[in-house]
Amino acid sequence: MSVLGNKDCVLTCFYPTLKERQRKERDSYPINVGLRIHRSLSWLNRAEQCENDNDAEFIFLWIAFNAAYADEFSSREFTATGTFRQFISKLDDLDKGGQLNDLVWSEFSSGIRVLLDNRFVFQGFWDFHSQKISEAEWRDRFSKAKKSANWALANRDTPALLVIIFSRLYTLRNQLIHGGATWNSQVNRDQVRDCANFLRKLVPLVIEIMMDNTAVLWGDPSYPVVE
């Protein structure tokens, strides 16, 4: 049964269940995917210890996701890269139980729509306030982004929608990691809470899909273990 099968499961249940499975199976994992899973689980464990601290939880969950993804990127809009899109599509193709679809279209469908309407996690909004683009330009970009999101929603295109969602998550990630927000600030509580809630369910699912498909070529980790 999936680790995400129990929707009433408390926050801390995901790591222990996945870690127990990983201990039993890890000797059979190829080195590269085994390292990704091991690192991702370690950060998931840390995230699940962040009781009542959505800022820290989001940051640790982001690291856990990136440990699984483990591809270097330098652009702010990393979701525009083909590598990231391929990773998301691969997860969706390998998700034989349809758990990604359930997460996106059932459990978080209303929350995703709220997130996509939130200008505070849209990079163009901040580019305008940094005087990099005009107000008309950021509004045009936001309108086009919403059209793309609406297309993905209308066509139930899970990979396309996840790529759009991650572009919003990455904006929030930049705000927190680069000191563009105050810890536990009331100004950005809604988006931090909503994004942490989403990653809290997505990250264990990503790890689980990878554990189900360790024979798949996931690529080399960005920072291998060097003796």
C-alpha atoms as a PDB file:
ATOM      1  CA  MET A   1       0.000   0.000   0.000  1.00  0.00           C
ATOM      2  CA  SER A   2       1.244   3.464  -0.809  1.00  0.00           C
ATOM      3  CA  VAL A   3       2.734   5.538   1.959  1.00  0.00           C
ATOM      4  CA  LEU A   4       0.307   8.248   0.852  1.00  0.00           C
ATOM      5  CA  GLY A   5      -2.674   5.915   0.869  1.00  0.00           C
ATOM      6  CA  ASN A   6      -3.873   7.052   4.289  1.00  0.00           C
ATOM      7  CA  LYS A   7      -5.041  10.634   3.863  1.00  0.00           C
ATOM      8  CA  ASP A   8      -5.579  10.938   7.636  1.00  0.00           C
ATOM      9  CA  CYS A   9      -1.929  10.099   8.286  1.00  0.00           C
ATOM     10  CA  VAL A  10      -0.109  12.641  10.445  1.00  0.00           C
ATOM     11  CA  LEU A  11       2.826  14.588   9.080  1.00  0.00           C
ATOM     12  CA  THR A  12       5.561  12.446  10.609  1.00  0.00           C
ATOM     13  CA  CYS A  13       4.335   9.137   9.181  1.00  0.00           C
ATOM     14  CA  PHE A  14       5.907   9.494   5.737  1.00  0.00           C
ATOM     15  CA  TYR A  15       9.594   9.391   6.610  1.00  0.00           C
ATOM     16  CA  PRO A  16       9.546   6.375   8.968  1.00  0.00           C
ATOM     17  CA  THR A  17       7.575   4.266   6.496  1.00  0.00           C
ATOM     18  CA  LEU A  18       9.790   5.173   3.542  1.00  0.00           C
ATOM     19  CA  LYS A  19      13.004   4.832   5.555  1.00  0.00           C
ATOM     20  CA  GLU A  20      12.040   1.370   6.746  1.00  0.00           C
ATOM     21  CA  ARG A  21      11.492   0.295   3.154  1.00  0.00           C
ATOM     22  CA  GLN A  22      14.745   1.922   2.013  1.00  0.00           C
ATOM     23  CA  ARG A  23      16.758   0.046   4.646  1.00  0.00           C
ATOM     24  CA  LYS A  24      15.356  -3.252   3.391  1.00  0.00           C
ATOM     25  CA  GLU A  25      15.987  -2.505  -0.286  1.00  0.00           C
ATOM     26  CA  ARG A  26      18.992  -0.180  -0.456  1.00  0.00           C
ATOM     27  CA  ASP A  27      21.596  -2.877  -1.113  1.00  0.00           C
ATOM     28  CA  SER A  28      19.838  -3.626  -4.403  1.00  0.00           C
ATOM     29  CA  TYR A  29      19.671   0.021  -5.522  1.00  0.00           C
ATOM     30  CA  PRO A  30      22.063   1.307  -8.190  1.00  0.00           C
ATOM     31  CA  ILE A  31      24.541   3.697  -6.567  1.00  0.00           C
ATOM     32  CA  ASN A  32      23.287   6.895  -8.188  1.00  0.00           C
ATOM     33  CA  VAL A  33      19.581   6.479  -7.465  1.00  0.00           C
ATOM     34  CA  GLY A  34      20.390   5.067  -4.031  1.00  0.00           C
ATOM     35  CA  LEU A  35      22.288   8.247  -3.190  1.00  0.00           C
ATOM     36  CA  ARG A  36      19.425  10.433  -4.407  1.00  0.00           C
ATOM     37  CA  ILE A  37      16.901   8.528  -2.304  1.00  0.00           C
ATOM     38  CA  HIS A  38      19.163   8.475   0.769  1.00  0.00           C
ATOM     39  CA  ARG A  39      19.766  12.224   0.622  1.00  0.00           C
ATOM     40  CA  SER A  40      16.155  13.075  -0.104  1.00  0.00           C
ATOM     41  CA  LEU A  41      14.939  10.960   2.819  1.00  0.00           C
ATOM     42  CA  SER A  42      17.387  12.659   5.181  1.00  0.00           C
ATOM     43  CA  TRP A  43      15.948  16.099   4.348  1.00  0.00           C
ATOM     44  CA  LEU A  44      12.377  14.814   4.456  1.00  0.00           C
ATOM     45  CA  ASN A  45      13.127  13.575   7.960  1.00  0.00           C
ATOM     46  CA  ARG A  46      14.357  17.034   8.954  1.00  0.00           C
ATOM     47  CA  ALA A  47      11.341  18.731   7.390  1.00  0.00           C
ATOM     48  CA  GLU A  48       8.944  16.563   9.350  1.00  0.00           C
ATOM     49  CA  GLN A  49      10.498  17.810  12.593  1.00  0.00           C
ATOM     50  CA  CYS A  50       9.471  21.418  11.855  1.00  0.00           C
ATOM     51  CA  GLU A  51       6.343  21.575  13.952  1.00  0.00           C
ATOM     52  CA  ASN A  52       4.559  24.927  13.531  1.00  0.00           C
ATOM     53  CA  ASP A  53       7.387  26.352  11.399  1.00  0.00           C
ATOM     54  CA  ASN A  54       6.242  26.457   7.772  1.00  0.00           C
ATOM     55  CA  ASP A  55       9.248  28.548   6.675  1.00  0.00           C
ATOM     56  CA  ALA A  56      11.781  25.931   7.794  1.00  0.00           C
ATOM     57  CA  GLU A  57       9.550  23.087   6.652  1.00  0.00           C
ATOM     58  CA  PHE A  58       9.273  24.524   3.145  1.00  0.00           C
ATOM     59  CA  ILE A  59      13.037  25.039   2.875  1.00  0.00           C
ATOM     60  CA  PHE A  60      13.855  21.495   4.025  1.00  0.00           C
ATOM     61  CA  LEU A  61      11.177  20.023   1.749  1.00  0.00           C
ATOM     62  CA  TRP A  62      12.614  21.983  -1.166  1.00  0.00           C
ATOM     63  CA  ILE A  63      16.061  20.530  -0.427  1.00  0.00           C
ATOM     64  CA  ALA A  64      14.518  17.052  -0.191  1.00  0.00           C
ATOM     65  CA  PHE A  65      12.910  17.480  -3.597  1.00  0.00           C
ATOM     66  CA  ASN A  66      16.091  18.826  -5.142  1.00  0.00           C
ATOM     67  CA  ALA A  67      18.094  15.949  -3.669  1.00  0.00           C
ATOM     68  CA  ALA A  68      15.813  13.599  -5.610  1.00  0.00           C
ATOM     69  CA  TYR A  69      15.911  15.747  -8.748  1.00  0.00           C
ATOM     70  CA  ALA A  70      19.632  16.439  -8.295  1.00  0.00           C
ATOM     71  CA  ASP A  71      20.319  18.451 -11.419  1.00  0.00           C
ATOM     72  CA  GLU A  72      22.214  21.714 -11.392  1.00  0.00           C
ATOM     73  CA  PHE A  73      20.503  24.845 -12.609  1.00  0.00           C
ATOM     74  CA  SER A  74      21.364  28.514 -12.458  1.00  0.00           C
ATOM     75  CA  SER A  75      18.375  30.218 -14.037  1.00  0.00           C
ATOM     76  CA  ARG A  76      15.627  31.584 -11.815  1.00  0.00           C
ATOM     77  CA  GLU A  77      13.108  29.988 -14.130  1.00  0.00           C
ATOM     78  CA  PHE A  78      14.622  26.538 -13.836  1.00  0.00           C
ATOM     79  CA  THR A  79      11.278  24.935 -14.697  1.00  0.00           C
ATOM     80  CA  ALA A  80      11.741  26.237 -18.244  1.00  0.00           C
ATOM     81  CA  THR A  81      14.638  23.816 -18.743  1.00  0.00           C
ATOM     82  CA  GLY A  82      14.044  20.633 -20.673  1.00  0.00           C
ATOM     83  CA  THR A  83      15.756  18.566 -17.974  1.00  0.00           C
ATOM     84  CA  PHE A  84      13.250  19.560 -15.325  1.00  0.00           C
ATOM     85  CA  ARG A  85      10.286  18.988 -17.618  1.00  0.00           C
ATOM     86  CA  GLN A  86      11.657  15.556 -18.512  1.00  0.00           C
ATOM     87  CA  PHE A  87      12.021  14.703 -14.816  1.00  0.00           C
ATOM     88  CA  ILE A  88       8.398  15.636 -14.091  1.00  0.00           C
ATOM     89  CA  SER A  89       7.145  13.746 -17.154  1.00  0.00           C
ATOM     90  CA  LYS A  90       9.169  10.697 -16.144  1.00  0.00           C
ATOM     91  CA  LEU A  91       7.611  10.729 -12.671  1.00  0.00           C
ATOM     92  CA  ASP A  92       4.144  10.955 -14.196  1.00  0.00           C
ATOM     93  CA  ASP A  93       4.823   8.112 -16.655  1.00  0.00           C
ATOM     94  CA  LEU A  94       6.129   5.866 -13.879  1.00  0.00           C
ATOM     95  CA  ASP A  95       3.297   6.667 -11.483  1.00  0.00           C
ATOM     96  CA  LYS A  96       1.244   3.589 -12.323  1.00  0.00           C
ATOM     97  CA  GLY A  97      -1.025   4.067  -9.321  1.00  0.00           C
ATOM     98  CA  GLY A  98      -2.040   7.542 -10.458  1.00  0.00           C
ATOM     99  CA  GLN A  99      -1.062   9.111  -7.157  1.00  0.00           C
ATOM    100  CA  LEU A 100       0.285  12.290  -8.758  1.00  0.00           C
ATOM    101  CA  ASN A 101      -3.033  12.729 -10.517  1.00  0.00           C
ATOM    102  CA  ASP A 102      -4.915  12.179  -7.266  1.00  0.00           C
ATOM    103  CA  LEU A 103      -2.723  14.705  -5.482  1.00  0.00           C
ATOM    104  CA  VAL A 104      -3.140  17.368  -8.167  1.00  0.00           C
ATOM    105  CA  TRP A 105      -6.734  16.820  -9.237  1.00  0.00           C
ATOM    106  CA  SER A 106      -8.370  15.702  -5.997  1.00  0.00           C
ATOM    107  CA  GLU A 107      -6.538  16.548  -2.808  1.00  0.00           C
ATOM    108  CA  PHE A 108      -5.043  19.908  -3.852  1.00  0.00           C
ATOM    109  CA  SER A 109      -7.199  21.000  -6.776  1.00  0.00           C
ATOM    110  CA  SER A 110      -8.696  24.050  -5.043  1.00  0.00           C
ATOM    111  CA  GLY A 111      -5.430  24.982  -3.335  1.00  0.00           C
ATOM    112  CA  ILE A 112      -3.551  24.872  -6.627  1.00  0.00           C
ATOM    113  CA  ARG A 113      -5.990  27.310  -8.208  1.00  0.00           C
ATOM    114  CA  VAL A 114      -5.493  29.696  -5.280  1.00  0.00           C
ATOM    115  CA  LEU A 115      -1.712  29.384  -5.584  1.00  0.00           C
ATOM    116  CA  LEU A 116      -1.758  30.093  -9.318  1.00  0.00           C
ATOM    117  CA  ASP A 117      -3.797  33.257  -8.692  1.00  0.00           C
ATOM    118  CA  ASN A 118      -1.353  34.502  -6.034  1.00  0.00           C
ATOM    119  CA  ARG A 119       0.771  37.289  -7.540  1.00  0.00           C
ATOM    120  CA  PHE A 120       3.220  37.135  -4.637  1.00  0.00           C
ATOM    121  CA  VAL A 121       4.665  33.851  -5.928  1.00  0.00           C
ATOM    122  CA  PHE A 122       4.884  35.061  -9.521  1.00  0.00           C
ATOM    123  CA  GLN A 123       8.380  36.250 -10.423  1.00  0.00           C
ATOM    124  CA  GLY A 124       7.168  38.854 -12.897  1.00  0.00           C
ATOM    125  CA  PHE A 125       5.393  40.701 -10.095  1.00  0.00           C
ATOM    126  CA  TRP A 126       8.692  41.105  -8.236  1.00  0.00           C
ATOM    127  CA  ASP A 127      10.570  41.992 -11.432  1.00  0.00           C
ATOM    128  CA  PHE A 128       8.132  44.885 -11.832  1.00  0.00           C
ATOM    129  CA  HIS A 129       8.710  46.056  -8.253  1.00  0.00           C
ATOM    130  CA  SER A 130      12.451  45.835  -8.848  1.00  0.00           C
ATOM    131  CA  GLN A 131      11.926  48.082 -11.899  1.00  0.00           C
ATOM    132  CA  LYS A 132      13.199  45.409 -14.275  1.00  0.00           C
ATOM    133  CA  ILE A 133       9.983  45.373 -16.289  1.00  0.00           C
ATOM    134  CA  SER A 134       6.955  47.625 -16.629  1.00  0.00           C
ATOM    135  CA  GLU A 135       3.638  47.120 -14.884  1.00  0.00           C
ATOM    136  CA  ALA A 136       2.014  46.346 -18.222  1.00  0.00           C
ATOM    137  CA  GLU A 137       4.653  43.713 -18.925  1.00  0.00           C
ATOM    138  CA  TRP A 138       4.269  41.892 -15.623  1.00  0.00           C
ATOM    139  CA  ARG A 139       0.497  41.896 -15.955  1.00  0.00           C
ATOM    140  CA  ASP A 140       0.782  40.533 -19.478  1.00  0.00           C
ATOM    141  CA  ARG A 141       3.122  37.775 -18.301  1.00  0.00           C
ATOM    142  CA  PHE A 142       0.779  36.936 -15.435  1.00  0.00           C
ATOM    143  CA  SER A 143      -2.186  36.766 -17.808  1.00  0.00           C
ATOM    144  CA  LYS A 144      -0.312  34.460 -20.186  1.00  0.00           C
ATOM    145  CA  ALA A 145       0.849  32.280 -17.298  1.00  0.00           C
ATOM    146  CA  LYS A 146      -2.720  31.937 -16.059  1.00  0.00           C
ATOM    147  CA  LYS A 147      -3.864  30.978 -19.567  1.00  0.00           C
ATOM    148  CA  SER A 148      -1.222  28.260 -19.666  1.00  0.00           C
ATOM    149  CA  ALA A 149      -2.309  27.052 -16.256  1.00  0.00           C
ATOM    150  CA  ASN A 150      -5.965  27.077 -17.276  1.00  0.00           C
ATOM    151  CA  TRP A 151      -5.089  25.045 -20.374  1.00  0.00           C
ATOM    152  CA  ALA A 152      -3.297  22.470 -18.236  1.00  0.00           C
ATOM    153  CA  LEU A 153      -6.225  22.401 -15.826  1.00  0.00           C
ATOM    154  CA  ALA A 154      -8.774  22.028 -18.611  1.00  0.00           C
ATOM    155  CA  ASN A 155      -6.790  19.207 -20.235  1.00  0.00           C
ATOM    156  CA  ARG A 156      -5.864  17.524 -16.951  1.00  0.00           C
ATOM    157  CA  ASP A 157      -2.223  17.674 -18.035  1.00  0.00           C
ATOM    158  CA  THR A 158      -0.499  16.766 -14.781  1.00  0.00           C
ATOM    159  CA  PRO A 159       3.146  17.271 -15.889  1.00  0.00           C
ATOM    160  CA  ALA A 160       2.390  20.667 -17.470  1.00  0.00           C
ATOM    161  CA  LEU A 161       0.550  21.812 -14.356  1.00  0.00           C
ATOM    162  CA  LEU A 162       3.313  20.613 -12.029  1.00  0.00           C
ATOM    163  CA  VAL A 163       5.904  22.553 -14.038  1.00  0.00           C
ATOM    164  CA  ILE A 164       3.810  25.707 -13.646  1.00  0.00           C
ATOM    165  CA  ILE A 165       3.325  25.060  -9.923  1.00  0.00           C
ATOM    166  CA  PHE A 166       7.071  24.629  -9.443  1.00  0.00           C
ATOM    167  CA  SER A 167       7.755  27.957 -11.133  1.00  0.00           C
ATOM    168  CA  ARG A 168       5.699  29.511  -8.306  1.00  0.00           C
ATOM    169  CA  LEU A 169       7.379  27.407  -5.635  1.00  0.00           C
ATOM    170  CA  TYR A 170      10.764  28.479  -6.951  1.00  0.00           C
ATOM    171  CA  THR A 171       9.884  32.150  -6.568  1.00  0.00           C
ATOM    172  CA  LEU A 172       9.014  31.513  -2.923  1.00  0.00           C
ATOM    173  CA  ARG A 173      12.193  29.498  -2.540  1.00  0.00           C
ATOM    174  CA  ASN A 174      14.217  32.465  -3.784  1.00  0.00           C
ATOM    175  CA  GLN A 175      12.485  34.842  -1.383  1.00  0.00           C
ATOM    176  CA  LEU A 176      13.303  32.674   1.619  1.00  0.00           C
ATOM    177  CA  ILE A 177      16.784  31.444   0.680  1.00  0.00           C
ATOM    178  CA  HIS A 178      18.026  34.870  -0.411  1.00  0.00           C
ATOM    179  CA  GLY A 179      16.695  36.693   2.637  1.00  0.00           C
ATOM    180  CA  GLY A 180      13.823  38.365   0.827  1.00  0.00           C
ATOM    181  CA  ALA A 181      11.361  37.525   3.578  1.00  0.00           C
ATOM    182  CA  THR A 182      11.181  37.666   7.375  1.00  0.00           C
ATOM    183  CA  TRP A 183      10.979  34.414   9.317  1.00  0.00           C
ATOM    184  CA  ASN A 184       7.409  33.723  10.458  1.00  0.00           C
ATOM    185  CA  SER A 185       6.234  36.954   8.863  1.00  0.00           C
ATOM    186  CA  GLN A 186       2.485  37.483   8.709  1.00  0.00           C
ATOM    187  CA  VAL A 187       2.924  39.186   5.343  1.00  0.00           C
ATOM    188  CA  ASN A 188       3.553  35.967   3.431  1.00  0.00           C
ATOM    189  CA  ARG A 189       1.897  33.340   5.645  1.00  0.00           C
ATOM    190  CA  ASP A 190      -0.659  32.167   3.103  1.00  0.00           C
ATOM    191  CA  GLN A 191       1.783  31.282   0.348  1.00  0.00           C
ATOM    192  CA  VAL A 192       4.371  29.754   2.687  1.00  0.00           C
ATOM    193  CA  ARG A 193       1.720  27.603   4.350  1.00  0.00           C
ATOM    194  CA  ASP A 194       0.119  26.536   1.060  1.00  0.00           C
ATOM    195  CA  CYS A 195       3.431  25.728  -0.627  1.00  0.00           C
ATOM    196  CA  ALA A 196       4.679  23.750   2.385  1.00  0.00           C
ATOM    197  CA  ASN A 197       1.414  21.804   2.499  1.00  0.00           C
ATOM    198  CA  PHE A 198       1.795  20.845  -1.151  1.00  0.00           C
ATOM    199  CA  LEU A 199       5.448  19.785  -0.903  1.00  0.00           C
ATOM    200  CA  ARG A 200       4.676  17.875   2.303  1.00  0.00           C
ATOM    201  CA  LYS A 201       2.636  15.411   0.239  1.00  0.00           C
ATOM    202  CA  LEU A 202       4.508  15.647  -3.068  1.00  0.00           C
ATOM    203  CA  VAL A 203       8.035  14.940  -1.834  1.00  0.00           C
ATOM    204  CA  PRO A 204       7.265  11.549  -0.218  1.00  0.00           C
ATOM    205  CA  LEU A 205       5.415  10.590  -3.378  1.00  0.00           C
ATOM    206  CA  VAL A 206       8.406  11.496  -5.561  1.00  0.00           C
ATOM    207  CA  ILE A 207      10.663   9.379  -3.352  1.00  0.00           C
ATOM    208  CA  GLU A 208       8.229   6.489  -3.478  1.00  0.00           C
ATOM    209  CA  ILE A 209       7.999   6.560  -7.276  1.00  0.00           C
ATOM    210  CA  MET A 210      11.787   6.514  -7.500  1.00  0.00           C
ATOM    211  CA  MET A 211      11.981   3.596  -5.055  1.00  0.00           C
ATOM    212  CA  ASP A 212       9.466   1.720  -7.206  1.00  0.00           C
ATOM    213  CA  ASN A 213      11.609   2.330 -10.290  1.00  0.00           C
ATOM    214  CA  THR A 214      15.257   2.129  -9.277  1.00  0.00           C
ATOM    215  CA  ALA A 215      16.177   0.380 -12.545  1.00  0.00           C
ATOM    216  CA  VAL A 216      15.214   3.512 -14.483  1.00  0.00           C
ATOM    217  CA  LEU A 217      18.067   5.797 -15.541  1.00  0.00           C
ATOM    218  CA  TRP A 218      17.850   8.805 -13.195  1.00  0.00           C
ATOM    219  CA  GLY A 219      21.265  10.236 -14.013  1.00  0.00           C
ATOM    220  CA  ASP A 220      24.293  11.129 -11.945  1.00  0.00           C
ATOM    221  CA  PRO A 221      23.842  13.234  -8.785  1.00  0.00           C
ATOM    222  CA  SER A 222      25.279  16.740  -8.900  1.00  0.00           C
ATOM    223  CA  TYR A 223      27.643  16.155  -5.979  1.00  0.00           C
ATOM    224  CA  PRO A 224      28.732  12.499  -5.772  1.00  0.00           C
ATOM    225  CA  VAL A 225      30.330  11.093  -2.664  1.00  0.00           C
ATOM    226  CA  VAL A 226      34.107  11.495  -2.968  1.00  0.00           C
ATOM    227  CA  GLU A 227      36.434   9.700  -0.588  1.00  0.00           C
END
